[in-house]
Structures are given as structure tokens and as C-alpha cells.
PDB file of N, CA and C in Angstrom:
ATOM      1  N   MET A   1      62.435 147.871  72.532  1.00  0.00           N
ATOM      2  CA  MET A   1      62.933 146.534  72.342  1.00  0.00           C
ATOM      3  C   MET A   1      64.123 146.581  71.389  1.00  0.00           C
ATOM      4  N   LYS A   2      65.167 145.857  71.764  1.00  0.00           N
ATOM      5  CA  LYS A   2      66.381 145.869  70.964  1.00  0.00           C
ATOM      6  C   LYS A   2      66.250 144.868  69.826  1.00  0.00           C
ATOM      7  N   THR A   3      66.664 145.278  68.651  1.00  0.00           N
ATOM      8  CA  THR A   3      66.629 144.381  67.495  1.00  0.00           C
ATOM      9  C   THR A   3      68.048 143.915  67.197  1.00  0.00           C
ATOM     10  N   TYR A   4      68.151 142.688  66.712  1.00  0.00           N
ATOM     11  CA  TYR A   4      69.442 142.102  66.395  1.00  0.00           C
ATOM     12  C   TYR A   4      69.516 141.860  64.890  1.00  0.00           C
ATOM     13  N   SER A   5      70.719 141.994  64.389  1.00  0.00           N
ATOM     14  CA  SER A   5      70.896 141.761  62.952  1.00  0.00           C
ATOM     15  C   SER A   5      70.806 140.258  62.667  1.00  0.00           C
ATOM     16  N   LEU A   6      70.540 139.931  61.434  1.00  0.00           N
ATOM     17  CA  LEU A   6      70.433 138.537  61.024  1.00  0.00           C
ATOM     18  C   LEU A   6      71.753 137.806  61.265  1.00  0.00           C
ATOM     19  N   LYS A   7      72.858 138.475  61.047  1.00  0.00           N
ATOM     20  CA  LYS A   7      74.172 137.861  61.248  1.00  0.00           C
ATOM     21  C   LYS A   7      74.369 137.489  62.721  1.00  0.00           C
ATOM     22  N   THR A   8      73.943 138.352  63.634  1.00  0.00           N
ATOM     23  CA  THR A   8      74.067 138.081  65.065  1.00  0.00           C
ATOM     24  C   THR A   8      73.209 136.893  65.467  1.00  0.00           C
ATOM     25  N   VAL A   9      71.985 136.834  64.977  1.00  0.00           N
ATOM     26  CA  VAL A   9      71.072 135.746  65.318  1.00  0.00           C
ATOM     27  C   VAL A   9      71.604 134.420  64.776  1.00  0.00           C
ATOM     28  N   VAL A  10      72.072 134.420  63.536  1.00  0.00           N
ATOM     29  CA  VAL A  10      72.595 133.196  62.930  1.00  0.00           C
ATOM     30  C   VAL A  10      73.859 132.742  63.678  1.00  0.00           C
ATOM     31  N   THR A  11      74.732 133.678  64.017  1.00  0.00           N
ATOM     32  CA  THR A  11      75.944 133.331  64.766  1.00  0.00           C
ATOM     33  C   THR A  11      75.582 132.733  66.115  1.00  0.00           C
ATOM     34  N   PHE A  12      74.643 133.338  66.832  1.00  0.00           N
ATOM     35  CA  PHE A  12      74.204 132.819  68.121  1.00  0.00           C
ATOM     36  C   PHE A  12      73.626 131.415  67.964  1.00  0.00           C
ATOM     37  N   PHE A  13      72.818 131.212  66.939  1.00  0.00           N
ATOM     38  CA  PHE A  13      72.214 129.906  66.698  1.00  0.00           C
ATOM     39  C   PHE A  13      73.298 128.843  66.482  1.00  0.00           C
ATOM     40  N   PHE A  14      74.291 129.148  65.648  1.00  0.00           N
ATOM     41  CA  PHE A  14      75.352 128.179  65.381  1.00  0.00           C
ATOM     42  C   PHE A  14      76.217 127.918  66.613  1.00  0.00           C
ATOM     43  N   VAL A  15      76.430 128.923  67.442  1.00  0.00           N
ATOM     44  CA  VAL A  15      77.187 128.713  68.681  1.00  0.00           C
ATOM     45  C   VAL A  15      76.432 127.776  69.613  1.00  0.00           C
ATOM     46  N   VAL A  16      75.125 127.975  69.744  1.00  0.00           N
ATOM     47  CA  VAL A  16      74.317 127.108  70.601  1.00  0.00           C
ATOM     48  C   VAL A  16      74.304 125.684  70.062  1.00  0.00           C
ATOM     49  N   VAL A  17      74.140 125.528  68.764  1.00  0.00           N
ATOM     50  CA  VAL A  17      74.138 124.188  68.161  1.00  0.00           C
ATOM     51  C   VAL A  17      75.508 123.534  68.344  1.00  0.00           C
ATOM     52  N   ALA A  18      76.582 124.285  68.119  1.00  0.00           N
ATOM     53  CA  ALA A  18      77.929 123.724  68.261  1.00  0.00           C
ATOM     54  C   ALA A  18      78.191 123.281  69.692  1.00  0.00           C
ATOM     55  N   MET A  19      77.748 124.075  70.672  1.00  0.00           N
ATOM     56  CA  MET A  19      77.937 123.694  72.077  1.00  0.00           C
ATOM     57  C   MET A  19      77.120 122.453  72.417  1.00  0.00           C
ATOM     58  N   SER A  20      75.927 122.345  71.875  1.00  0.00           N
ATOM     59  CA  SER A  20      75.090 121.168  72.132  1.00  0.00           C
ATOM     60  C   SER A  20      75.714 119.914  71.541  1.00  0.00           C
ATOM     61  N   VAL A  21      76.221 120.036  70.334  1.00  0.00           N
ATOM     62  CA  VAL A  21      76.840 118.883  69.677  1.00  0.00           C
ATOM     63  C   VAL A  21      78.141 118.502  70.380  1.00  0.00           C
ATOM     64  N   ALA A  22      78.899 119.495  70.819  1.00  0.00           N
ATOM     65  CA  ALA A  22      80.167 119.215  71.477  1.00  0.00           C
ATOM     66  C   ALA A  22      79.969 118.603  72.855  1.00  0.00           C
ATOM     67  N   SER A  23      78.876 118.930  73.534  1.00  0.00           N
ATOM     68  CA  SER A  23      78.669 118.401  74.879  1.00  0.00           C
ATOM     69  C   SER A  23      78.060 117.011  74.880  1.00  0.00           C
ATOM     70  N   SER A  24      77.463 116.573  73.797  1.00  0.00           N
ATOM     71  CA  SER A  24      76.838 115.251  73.783  1.00  0.00           C
ATOM     72  C   SER A  24      77.840 114.110  73.926  1.00  0.00           C
ATOM     73  N   PRO A  25      79.079 114.186  73.390  1.00  0.00           N
ATOM     74  CA  PRO A  25      80.024 113.083  73.625  1.00  0.00           C
ATOM     75  C   PRO A  25      80.455 112.954  75.083  1.00  0.00           C
ATOM     76  N   LEU A  26      80.238 113.982  75.886  1.00  0.00           N
ATOM     77  CA  LEU A  26      80.627 113.896  77.290  1.00  0.00           C
ATOM     78  C   LEU A  26      79.874 112.801  78.023  1.00  0.00           C
ATOM     79  N   THR A  27      78.631 112.553  77.648  1.00  0.00           N
ATOM     80  CA  THR A  27      77.881 111.492  78.311  1.00  0.00           C
ATOM     81  C   THR A  27      78.417 110.126  77.933  1.00  0.00           C
ATOM     82  N   ALA A  28      79.128 110.014  76.849  1.00  0.00           N
ATOM     83  CA  ALA A  28      79.699 108.733  76.439  1.00  0.00           C
ATOM     84  C   ALA A  28      80.869 108.327  77.324  1.00  0.00           C
ATOM     85  N   GLN A  29      81.376 109.244  78.127  1.00  0.00           N
ATOM     86  CA  GLN A  29      82.479 108.919  79.018  1.00  0.00           C
ATOM     87  C   GLN A  29      82.039 108.019  80.171  1.00  0.00           C
ATOM     88  N   TRP A  30      80.770 108.009  80.494  1.00  0.00           N
ATOM     89  CA  TRP A  30      80.260 107.229  81.621  1.00  0.00           C
ATOM     90  C   TRP A  30      79.477 106.045  81.077  1.00  0.00           C
ATOM     91  N   LEU A  31      80.212 104.995  80.737  1.00  0.00           N
ATOM     92  CA  LEU A  31      79.580 103.811  80.195  1.00  0.00           C
ATOM     93  C   LEU A  31      78.925 103.008  81.311  1.00  0.00           C
ATOM     94  N   HIS A  32      77.829 102.365  80.986  1.00  0.00           N
ATOM     95  CA  HIS A  32      77.134 101.528  81.961  1.00  0.00           C
ATOM     96  C   HIS A  32      77.553 100.083  81.733  1.00  0.00           C
ATOM     97  N   TYR A  33      78.686  99.714  82.293  1.00  0.00           N
ATOM     98  CA  TYR A  33      79.148  98.333  82.161  1.00  0.00           C
ATOM     99  C   TYR A  33      79.367  97.749  83.541  1.00  0.00           C
ATOM    100  N   ARG A  34      79.256  96.464  83.639  1.00  0.00           N
ATOM    101  CA  ARG A  34      79.388  95.770  84.911  1.00  0.00           C
ATOM    102  C   ARG A  34      80.845  95.336  85.084  1.00  0.00           C
ATOM    103  N   ASN A  35      81.449  95.720  86.197  1.00  0.00           N
ATOM    104  CA  ASN A  35      82.814  95.330  86.522  1.00  0.00           C
ATOM    105  C   ASN A  35      82.760  93.984  87.233  1.00  0.00           C
ATOM    106  N   ASP A  36      83.269  92.945  86.602  1.00  0.00           N
ATOM    107  CA  ASP A  36      83.201  91.601  87.183  1.00  0.00           C
ATOM    108  C   ASP A  36      84.156  91.421  88.351  1.00  0.00           C
ATOM    109  N   GLN A  37      85.140  92.292  88.515  1.00  0.00           N
ATOM    110  CA  GLN A  37      86.094  92.167  89.611  1.00  0.00           C
ATOM    111  C   GLN A  37      85.556  92.765  90.904  1.00  0.00           C
ATOM    112  N   LEU A  38      84.470  93.492  90.845  1.00  0.00           N
ATOM    113  CA  LEU A  38      83.901  94.137  92.016  1.00  0.00           C
ATOM    114  C   LEU A  38      83.051  93.133  92.783  1.00  0.00           C
ATOM    115  N   PRO A  39      83.333  92.921  94.088  1.00  0.00           N
ATOM    116  CA  PRO A  39      82.495  91.991  94.849  1.00  0.00           C
ATOM    117  C   PRO A  39      81.090  92.558  95.008  1.00  0.00           C
ATOM    118  N   ARG A  40      80.111  91.683  94.901  1.00  0.00           N
ATOM    119  CA  ARG A  40      78.715  92.114  94.957  1.00  0.00           C
ATOM    120  C   ARG A  40      77.939  91.312  95.981  1.00  0.00           C
ATOM    121  N   THR A  41      76.865  91.908  96.461  1.00  0.00           N
ATOM    122  CA  THR A  41      75.944  91.235  97.372  1.00  0.00           C
ATOM    123  C   THR A  41      75.019  90.347  96.549  1.00  0.00           C
ATOM    124  N   PRO A  42      74.239  89.471  97.189  1.00  0.00           N
ATOM    125  CA  PRO A  42      73.342  88.599  96.417  1.00  0.00           C
ATOM    126  C   PRO A  42      72.343  89.353  95.542  1.00  0.00           C
ATOM    127  N   ASP A  43      71.985  90.582  95.929  1.00  0.00           N
ATOM    128  CA  ASP A  43      71.028  91.326  95.095  1.00  0.00           C
ATOM    129  C   ASP A  43      71.695  92.117  93.970  1.00  0.00           C
ATOM    130  N   GLY A  44      73.020  91.989  93.807  1.00  0.00           N
ATOM    131  CA  GLY A  44      73.717  92.604  92.688  1.00  0.00           C
ATOM    132  C   GLY A  44      74.337  93.959  92.973  1.00  0.00           C
ATOM    133  N   LYS A  45      74.141  94.496  94.164  1.00  0.00           N
ATOM    134  CA  LYS A  45      74.740  95.794  94.502  1.00  0.00           C
ATOM    135  C   LYS A  45      76.194  95.595  94.916  1.00  0.00           C
ATOM    136  N   PRO A  46      77.043  96.621  94.784  1.00  0.00           N
ATOM    137  CA  PRO A  46      78.439  96.491  95.218  1.00  0.00           C
ATOM    138  C   PRO A  46      78.526  96.220  96.720  1.00  0.00           C
ATOM    139  N   ASN A  47      79.391  95.284  97.098  1.00  0.00           N
ATOM    140  CA  ASN A  47      79.597  94.943  98.508  1.00  0.00           C
ATOM    141  C   ASN A  47      80.682  95.854  99.063  1.00  0.00           C
ATOM    142  N   LEU A  48      80.287  96.898  99.769  1.00  0.00           N
ATOM    143  CA  LEU A  48      81.234  97.885 100.275  1.00  0.00           C
ATOM    144  C   LEU A  48      81.952  97.415 101.534  1.00  0.00           C
ATOM    145  N   THR A  49      81.515  96.298 102.122  1.00  0.00           N
ATOM    146  CA  THR A  49      82.176  95.770 103.313  1.00  0.00           C
ATOM    147  C   THR A  49      83.095  94.603 102.972  1.00  0.00           C
ATOM    148  N   ALA A  50      83.294  94.327 101.699  1.00  0.00           N
ATOM    149  CA  ALA A  50      84.172  93.231 101.278  1.00  0.00           C
ATOM    150  C   ALA A  50      85.618  93.574 101.619  1.00  0.00           C
ATOM    151  N   PRO A  51      86.448  92.563 101.867  1.00  0.00           N
ATOM    152  CA  PRO A  51      87.861  92.850 102.149  1.00  0.00           C
ATOM    153  C   PRO A  51      88.556  93.449 100.928  1.00  0.00           C
ATOM    154  N   ALA A  52      89.640  94.153 101.200  1.00  0.00           N
ATOM    155  CA  ALA A  52      90.404  94.781 100.118  1.00  0.00           C
ATOM    156  C   ALA A  52      90.995  93.718  99.214  1.00  0.00           C
ATOM    157  N   PRO A  53      91.095  93.997  97.919  1.00  0.00           N
ATOM    158  CA  PRO A  53      91.719  93.016  97.023  1.00  0.00           C
ATOM    159  C   PRO A  53      93.185  92.817  97.386  1.00  0.00           C
ATOM    160  N   ARG A  54      93.708  91.646  97.076  1.00  0.00           N
ATOM    161  CA  ARG A  54      95.086  91.312  97.418  1.00  0.00           C
ATOM    162  C   ARG A  54      95.990  91.403  96.196  1.00  0.00           C
ATOM    163  N   ALA A  55      97.222  91.857  96.432  1.00  0.00           N
ATOM    164  CA  ALA A  55      98.234  91.909  95.366  1.00  0.00           C
ATOM    165  C   ALA A  55      98.852  90.524  95.210  1.00  0.00           C
ATOM    166  N   ALA A  56      99.775  90.388  94.284  1.00  0.00           N
ATOM    167  CA  ALA A  56     100.407  89.096  94.013  1.00  0.00           C
ATOM    168  C   ALA A  56     101.180  88.581  95.226  1.00  0.00           C
ATOM    169  N   ASP A  57     101.704  89.504  96.053  1.00  0.00           N
ATOM    170  CA  ASP A  57     102.468  89.077  97.221  1.00  0.00           C
ATOM    171  C   ASP A  57     101.581  88.817  98.441  1.00  0.00           C
ATOM    172  N   GLY A  58     100.257  88.918  98.294  1.00  0.00           N
ATOM    173  CA  GLY A  58      99.332  88.622  99.385  1.00  0.00           C
ATOM    174  C   GLY A  58      98.977  89.822 100.246  1.00  0.00           C
ATOM    175  N   LYS A  59      99.637  90.946 100.033  1.00  0.00           N
ATOM    176  CA  LYS A  59      99.334  92.147 100.806  1.00  0.00           C
ATOM    177  C   LYS A  59      98.142  92.861 100.187  1.00  0.00           C
ATOM    178  N   PRO A  60      97.400  93.652 100.994  1.00  0.00           N
ATOM    179  CA  PRO A  60      96.243  94.366 100.429  1.00  0.00           C
ATOM    180  C   PRO A  60      96.670  95.330  99.323  1.00  0.00           C
ATOM    181  N   ASP A  61      95.921  95.343  98.243  1.00  0.00           N
ATOM    182  CA  ASP A  61      96.177  96.242  97.119  1.00  0.00           C
ATOM    183  C   ASP A  61      95.413  97.538  97.390  1.00  0.00           C
ATOM    184  N   LEU A  62      96.109  98.531  97.864  1.00  0.00           N
ATOM    185  CA  LEU A  62      95.472  99.794  98.248  1.00  0.00           C
ATOM    186  C   LEU A  62      95.649 100.867  97.185  1.00  0.00           C
ATOM    187  N   SER A  63      95.909 100.480  95.962  1.00  0.00           N
ATOM    188  CA  SER A  63      96.012 101.475  94.901  1.00  0.00           C
ATOM    189  C   SER A  63      94.620 102.001  94.584  1.00  0.00           C
ATOM    190  N   GLY A  64      94.559 103.190  94.095  1.00  0.00           N
ATOM    191  CA  GLY A  64      93.271 103.794  93.764  1.00  0.00           C
ATOM    192  C   GLY A  64      93.317 105.284  94.006  1.00  0.00           C
ATOM    193  N   ILE A  65      92.157 105.887  94.093  1.00  0.00           N
ATOM    194  CA  ILE A  65      92.050 107.325  94.301  1.00  0.00           C
ATOM    195  C   ILE A  65      91.936 107.592  95.793  1.00  0.00           C
ATOM    196  N   TRP A  66      92.783 108.469  96.283  1.00  0.00           N
ATOM    197  CA  TRP A  66      92.799 108.813  97.700  1.00  0.00           C
ATOM    198  C   TRP A  66      92.485 110.297  97.849  1.00  0.00           C
ATOM    199  N   ASP A  67      91.949 110.659  98.994  1.00  0.00           N
ATOM    200  CA  ASP A  67      91.598 112.048  99.276  1.00  0.00           C
ATOM    201  C   ASP A  67      92.144 112.405 100.645  1.00  0.00           C
ATOM    202  N   ILE A  68      92.354 113.691 100.870  1.00  0.00           N
ATOM    203  CA  ILE A  68      92.856 114.142 102.166  1.00  0.00           C
ATOM    204  C   ILE A  68      91.731 114.127 103.199  1.00  0.00           C
ATOM    205  N   GLU A  69      92.120 114.208 104.461  1.00  0.00           N
ATOM    206  CA  GLU A  69      91.132 114.385 105.514  1.00  0.00           C
ATOM    207  C   GLU A  69      90.838 115.880 105.595  1.00  0.00           C
ATOM    208  N   HIS A  70      89.600 116.238 105.414  1.00  0.00           N
ATOM    209  CA  HIS A  70      89.222 117.655 105.382  1.00  0.00           C
ATOM    210  C   HIS A  70      89.041 118.164 106.815  1.00  0.00           C
ATOM    211  N   ASN A  71      90.179 118.453 107.490  1.00  0.00           N
ATOM    212  CA  ASN A  71      90.143 118.900 108.879  1.00  0.00           C
ATOM    213  C   ASN A  71      90.710 120.303 109.044  1.00  0.00           C
ATOM    214  N   ARG A  72      90.890 121.023 107.949  1.00  0.00           N
ATOM    215  CA  ARG A  72      91.394 122.398 108.013  1.00  0.00           C
ATOM    216  C   ARG A  72      90.457 123.267 107.186  1.00  0.00           C
ATOM    217  N   PRO A  73      89.800 124.255 107.832  1.00  0.00           N
ATOM    218  CA  PRO A  73      88.857 125.090 107.078  1.00  0.00           C
ATOM    219  C   PRO A  73      89.594 126.030 106.121  1.00  0.00           C
ATOM    220  N   CYS A  74      88.896 126.412 105.078  1.00  0.00           N
ATOM    221  CA  CYS A  74      89.445 127.386 104.134  1.00  0.00           C
ATOM    222  C   CYS A  74      89.434 128.772 104.776  1.00  0.00           C
ATOM    223  N   PRO A  75      90.324 129.675 104.347  1.00  0.00           N
ATOM    224  CA  PRO A  75      90.269 131.045 104.864  1.00  0.00           C
ATOM    225  C   PRO A  75      88.980 131.741 104.427  1.00  0.00           C
ATOM    226  N   LYS A  76      88.737 132.923 104.996  1.00  0.00           N
ATOM    227  CA  LYS A  76      87.518 133.673 104.686  1.00  0.00           C
ATOM    228  C   LYS A  76      87.393 133.972 103.200  1.00  0.00           C
ATOM    229  N   GLU A  77      88.529 134.174 102.540  1.00  0.00           N
ATOM    230  CA  GLU A  77      88.522 134.494 101.112  1.00  0.00           C
ATOM    231  C   GLU A  77      88.218 133.271 100.255  1.00  0.00           C
ATOM    232  N   GLY A  78      88.237 132.096 100.846  1.00  0.00           N
ATOM    233  CA  GLY A  78      88.012 130.867 100.100  1.00  0.00           C
ATOM    234  C   GLY A  78      89.324 130.160  99.814  1.00  0.00           C
ATOM    235  N   CYS A  79      89.244 128.931  99.387  1.00  0.00           N
ATOM    236  CA  CYS A  79      90.438 128.155  99.047  1.00  0.00           C
ATOM    237  C   CYS A  79      90.833 128.471  97.605  1.00  0.00           C
ATOM    238  N   PRO A  80      91.991 129.088  97.393  1.00  0.00           N
ATOM    239  CA  PRO A  80      92.383 129.447  96.035  1.00  0.00           C
ATOM    240  C   PRO A  80      92.792 128.239  95.206  1.00  0.00           C
ATOM    241  N   ASP A  81      93.176 127.160  95.849  1.00  0.00           N
ATOM    242  CA  ASP A  81      93.658 125.988  95.131  1.00  0.00           C
ATOM    243  C   ASP A  81      93.145 124.753  95.868  1.00  0.00           C
ATOM    244  N   MET A  82      93.886 123.700  95.853  1.00  0.00           N
ATOM    245  CA  MET A  82      93.484 122.470  96.524  1.00  0.00           C
ATOM    246  C   MET A  82      93.584 122.639  98.040  1.00  0.00           C
ATOM    247  N   PRO A  83      92.551 122.253  98.790  1.00  0.00           N
ATOM    248  CA  PRO A  83      92.652 122.348 100.243  1.00  0.00           C
ATOM    249  C   PRO A  83      93.657 121.329 100.778  1.00  0.00           C
ATOM    250  N   VAL A  84      94.286 121.668 101.885  1.00  0.00           N
ATOM    251  CA  VAL A  84      95.252 120.768 102.512  1.00  0.00           C
ATOM    252  C   VAL A  84      94.815 120.493 103.935  1.00  0.00           C
ATOM    253  N   GLY A  85      95.213 119.359 104.468  1.00  0.00           N
ATOM    254  CA  GLY A  85      94.882 118.992 105.836  1.00  0.00           C
ATOM    255  C   GLY A  85      95.849 119.602 106.830  1.00  0.00           C
ATOM    256  N   GLN A  86      95.518 119.472 108.113  1.00  0.00           N
ATOM    257  CA  GLN A  86      96.386 120.002 109.167  1.00  0.00           C
ATOM    258  C   GLN A  86      97.767 119.345 109.129  1.00  0.00           C
ATOM    259  N   GLU A  87      97.828 118.070 108.759  1.00  0.00           N
ATOM    260  CA  GLU A  87      99.096 117.356 108.752  1.00  0.00           C
ATOM    261  C   GLU A  87     100.061 117.883 107.697  1.00  0.00           C
ATOM    262  N   PHE A  88      99.583 118.654 106.724  1.00  0.00           N
ATOM    263  CA  PHE A  88     100.463 119.249 105.722  1.00  0.00           C
ATOM    264  C   PHE A  88     101.416 120.242 106.377  1.00  0.00           C
ATOM    265  N   PHE A  89     100.938 120.954 107.374  1.00  0.00           N
ATOM    266  CA  PHE A  89     101.754 121.956 108.063  1.00  0.00           C
ATOM    267  C   PHE A  89     102.428 121.390 109.300  1.00  0.00           C
ATOM    268  N   ASN A  90     101.776 120.436 109.984  1.00  0.00           N
ATOM    269  CA  ASN A  90     102.313 119.840 111.193  1.00  0.00           C
ATOM    270  C   ASN A  90     101.984 118.355 111.159  1.00  0.00           C
ATOM    271  N   ILE A  91     102.951 117.552 110.776  1.00  0.00           N
ATOM    272  CA  ILE A  91     102.681 116.131 110.561  1.00  0.00           C
ATOM    273  C   ILE A  91     102.256 115.416 111.837  1.00  0.00           C
ATOM    274  N   GLY A  92     102.589 115.953 112.982  1.00  0.00           N
ATOM    275  CA  GLY A  92     102.193 115.332 114.240  1.00  0.00           C
ATOM    276  C   GLY A  92     100.947 115.937 114.851  1.00  0.00           C
ATOM    277  N   TRP A  93     100.169 116.683 114.059  1.00  0.00           N
ATOM    278  CA  TRP A  93      98.998 117.381 114.575  1.00  0.00           C
ATOM    279  C   TRP A  93      98.004 116.433 115.219  1.00  0.00           C
ATOM    280  N   SER A  94      97.758 115.288 114.633  1.00  0.00           N
ATOM    281  CA  SER A  94      96.735 114.377 115.141  1.00  0.00           C
ATOM    282  C   SER A  94      97.263 113.429 116.215  1.00  0.00           C
ATOM    283  N   LEU A  95      98.565 113.436 116.491  1.00  0.00           N
ATOM    284  CA  LEU A  95      99.130 112.563 117.503  1.00  0.00           C
ATOM    285  C   LEU A  95      99.036 113.202 118.877  1.00  0.00           C
ATOM    286  N   LYS A  96      98.491 112.474 119.817  1.00  0.00           N
ATOM    287  CA  LYS A  96      98.378 113.010 121.182  1.00  0.00           C
ATOM    288  C   LYS A  96      99.782 113.195 121.750  1.00  0.00           C
ATOM    289  N   GLY A  97     100.099 114.384 122.180  1.00  0.00           N
ATOM    290  CA  GLY A  97     101.422 114.688 122.708  1.00  0.00           C
ATOM    291  C   GLY A  97     102.431 115.044 121.628  1.00  0.00           C
ATOM    292  N   GLY A  98     102.022 115.091 120.382  1.00  0.00           N
ATOM    293  CA  GLY A  98     102.911 115.460 119.285  1.00  0.00           C
ATOM    294  C   GLY A  98     103.788 114.297 118.851  1.00  0.00           C
ATOM    295  N   LEU A  99     104.762 114.607 118.007  1.00  0.00           N
ATOM    296  CA  LEU A  99     105.657 113.582 117.503  1.00  0.00           C
ATOM    297  C   LEU A  99     106.632 113.126 118.599  1.00  0.00           C
ATOM    298  N   PRO A 100     106.973 111.868 118.608  1.00  0.00           N
ATOM    299  CA  PRO A 100     107.907 111.373 119.645  1.00  0.00           C
ATOM    300  C   PRO A 100     109.356 111.709 119.299  1.00  0.00           C
ATOM    301  N   TYR A 101     109.700 112.992 119.410  1.00  0.00           N
ATOM    302  CA  TYR A 101     111.065 113.404 119.098  1.00  0.00           C
ATOM    303  C   TYR A 101     112.035 112.846 120.148  1.00  0.00           C
ATOM    304  N   GLN A 102     113.193 112.438 119.697  1.00  0.00           N
ATOM    305  CA  GLN A 102     114.230 111.971 120.617  1.00  0.00           C
ATOM    306  C   GLN A 102     115.471 112.824 120.421  1.00  0.00           C
ATOM    307  N   PRO A 103     116.203 113.078 121.521  1.00  0.00           N
ATOM    308  CA  PRO A 103     117.422 113.902 121.388  1.00  0.00           C
ATOM    309  C   PRO A 103     118.521 113.203 120.628  1.00  0.00           C
TER     310      PRO A 103
END
């Protein structure tokens, strides 16, 4: 059985305590507050079928977080960075017959 010096044990203990203390504020990032601007159903759950909010000019306000369509598999080695969709390489990939190029 391997024995450890007192200095090693104390250092390990302080590292574990420091990591525990440092990670506890991370849970404070997710506050449990009610967003009054979010449309809700009568039972209080978010209404995911509600129409999009409108901007000042009356058009839908589509600002927010967007994600790509995951239609391109990663290579065998894995995705080294952010995955990209087929349209990144060929913008007319999803259009039947391709892009309507004109001479």
C-alpha cells in the first residue's frame, strides 16, 4: 500500500475544498424566476404553440438563439469544431433541381 506525505494529503484536501466552493456559484446562474412576457397555458406551463412575438413595426420578432439543421454527419474521426450543415458547402443542396441559375 502506498503512503502519502501529510503535505500531499493536505494539498489534495484543499484542492477538493477549493473546487467545491468554486463550483457552488455555478448553480446561481440558473435562477428560478417567472418570465411574465412568456405566453402560458391555463395550467401555467409555457405555451409553445403561441404566435411569435411582434416587433414595433408589426413583423414577427425572430431574434433569439438559432441552430443549424443537423443534416451532415461528422467524419469518422469526429467533428473537430462546430458541425456545419450541407448548405454551408452547397447553398442549393435542399432545393429540388438545385439553384435557379440564369445565364
